[in-house]
Amino acid sequence: MLMIIVSAAAAAHAFMFARWLIKNGNKPGALVTYLIAAACIALPVYRYIKAQ
């Protein structure tokens, strides 16, 4: 459960960075950052669900 909380904090930081990238005209970089942040959240949740 702790890993999910840590991952959510890292993903929140990545989402803020992606928004900054969009504001500065780097849409492809923001898209990749959004995908990495989504994986950062999804993989620990999947592992937590699969382990039970």
C-alpha atoms as a PDB file:
ATOM      1  CA  MET A   1       0.000   0.000   0.000  1.00  0.00           C
ATOM      2  CA  LEU A   2       2.906   2.329   0.726  1.00  0.00           C
ATOM      3  CA  MET A   3       4.180   1.865  -2.822  1.00  0.00           C
ATOM      4  CA  ILE A   4       0.845   3.088  -4.200  1.00  0.00           C
ATOM      5  CA  ILE A   5       1.064   6.252  -2.092  1.00  0.00           C
ATOM      6  CA  VAL A   6       4.653   6.924  -3.165  1.00  0.00           C
ATOM      7  CA  SER A   7       3.740   6.275  -6.801  1.00  0.00           C
ATOM      8  CA  ALA A   8       0.782   8.650  -6.583  1.00  0.00           C
ATOM      9  CA  ALA A   9       3.049  11.395  -5.223  1.00  0.00           C
ATOM     10  CA  ALA A  10       5.541  10.848  -8.043  1.00  0.00           C
ATOM     11  CA  ALA A  11       2.745  10.804 -10.599  1.00  0.00           C
ATOM     12  CA  ALA A  12       1.325  14.075  -9.247  1.00  0.00           C
ATOM     13  CA  HIS A  13       4.724  15.694  -9.760  1.00  0.00           C
ATOM     14  CA  ALA A  14       4.903  14.275 -13.284  1.00  0.00           C
ATOM     15  CA  PHE A  15       1.424  15.586 -14.134  1.00  0.00           C
ATOM     16  CA  MET A  16       2.426  19.081 -12.967  1.00  0.00           C
ATOM     17  CA  PHE A  17       5.569  18.862 -15.091  1.00  0.00           C
ATOM     18  CA  ALA A  18       3.498  17.756 -18.099  1.00  0.00           C
ATOM     19  CA  ARG A  19       1.204  20.757 -17.673  1.00  0.00           C
ATOM     20  CA  TRP A  20       4.276  22.992 -17.604  1.00  0.00           C
ATOM     21  CA  LEU A  21       5.521  21.348 -20.806  1.00  0.00           C
ATOM     22  CA  ILE A  22       2.199  22.052 -22.536  1.00  0.00           C
ATOM     23  CA  LYS A  23       2.292  25.697 -21.456  1.00  0.00           C
ATOM     24  CA  ASN A  24       5.758  25.982 -22.982  1.00  0.00           C
ATOM     25  CA  GLY A  25       4.760  24.400 -26.288  1.00  0.00           C
ATOM     26  CA  ASN A  26       6.160  20.901 -25.864  1.00  0.00           C
ATOM     27  CA  LYS A  27       3.050  18.772 -26.445  1.00  0.00           C
ATOM     28  CA  PRO A  28       4.872  15.546 -27.467  1.00  0.00           C
ATOM     29  CA  GLY A  29       6.974  15.700 -24.315  1.00  0.00           C
ATOM     30  CA  ALA A  30       3.857  16.259 -22.231  1.00  0.00           C
ATOM     31  CA  LEU A  31       2.152  13.258 -23.817  1.00  0.00           C
ATOM     32  CA  VAL A  32       5.078  10.992 -22.983  1.00  0.00           C
ATOM     33  CA  THR A  33       5.166  12.370 -19.448  1.00  0.00           C
ATOM     34  CA  TYR A  34       1.436  11.681 -19.041  1.00  0.00           C
ATOM     35  CA  LEU A  35       1.966   8.096 -20.226  1.00  0.00           C
ATOM     36  CA  ILE A  36       4.828   7.555 -17.795  1.00  0.00           C
ATOM     37  CA  ALA A  37       2.763   9.029 -14.938  1.00  0.00           C
ATOM     38  CA  ALA A  38      -0.175   6.760 -15.796  1.00  0.00           C
ATOM     39  CA  ALA A  39       2.123   3.737 -15.755  1.00  0.00           C
ATOM     40  CA  CYS A  40       3.595   4.950 -12.470  1.00  0.00           C
ATOM     41  CA  ILE A  41       0.125   4.742 -10.931  1.00  0.00           C
ATOM     42  CA  ALA A  42      -1.212   1.682 -12.750  1.00  0.00           C
ATOM     43  CA  LEU A  43       1.626  -0.775 -12.190  1.00  0.00           C
ATOM     44  CA  PRO A  44       1.716  -0.646  -8.356  1.00  0.00           C
ATOM     45  CA  VAL A  45      -2.100  -0.856  -8.243  1.00  0.00           C
ATOM     46  CA  TYR A  46      -2.010  -3.879 -10.565  1.00  0.00           C
ATOM     47  CA  ARG A  47       0.659  -5.506  -8.424  1.00  0.00           C
ATOM     48  CA  TYR A  48      -1.352  -4.828  -5.256  1.00  0.00           C
ATOM     49  CA  ILE A  49      -4.529  -6.312  -6.761  1.00  0.00           C
ATOM     50  CA  LYS A  50      -2.713  -9.279  -8.289  1.00  0.00           C
ATOM     51  CA  ALA A  51      -0.970 -10.124  -4.983  1.00  0.00           C
ATOM     52  CA  GLN A  52      -4.250 -10.567  -3.164  1.00  0.00           C
END
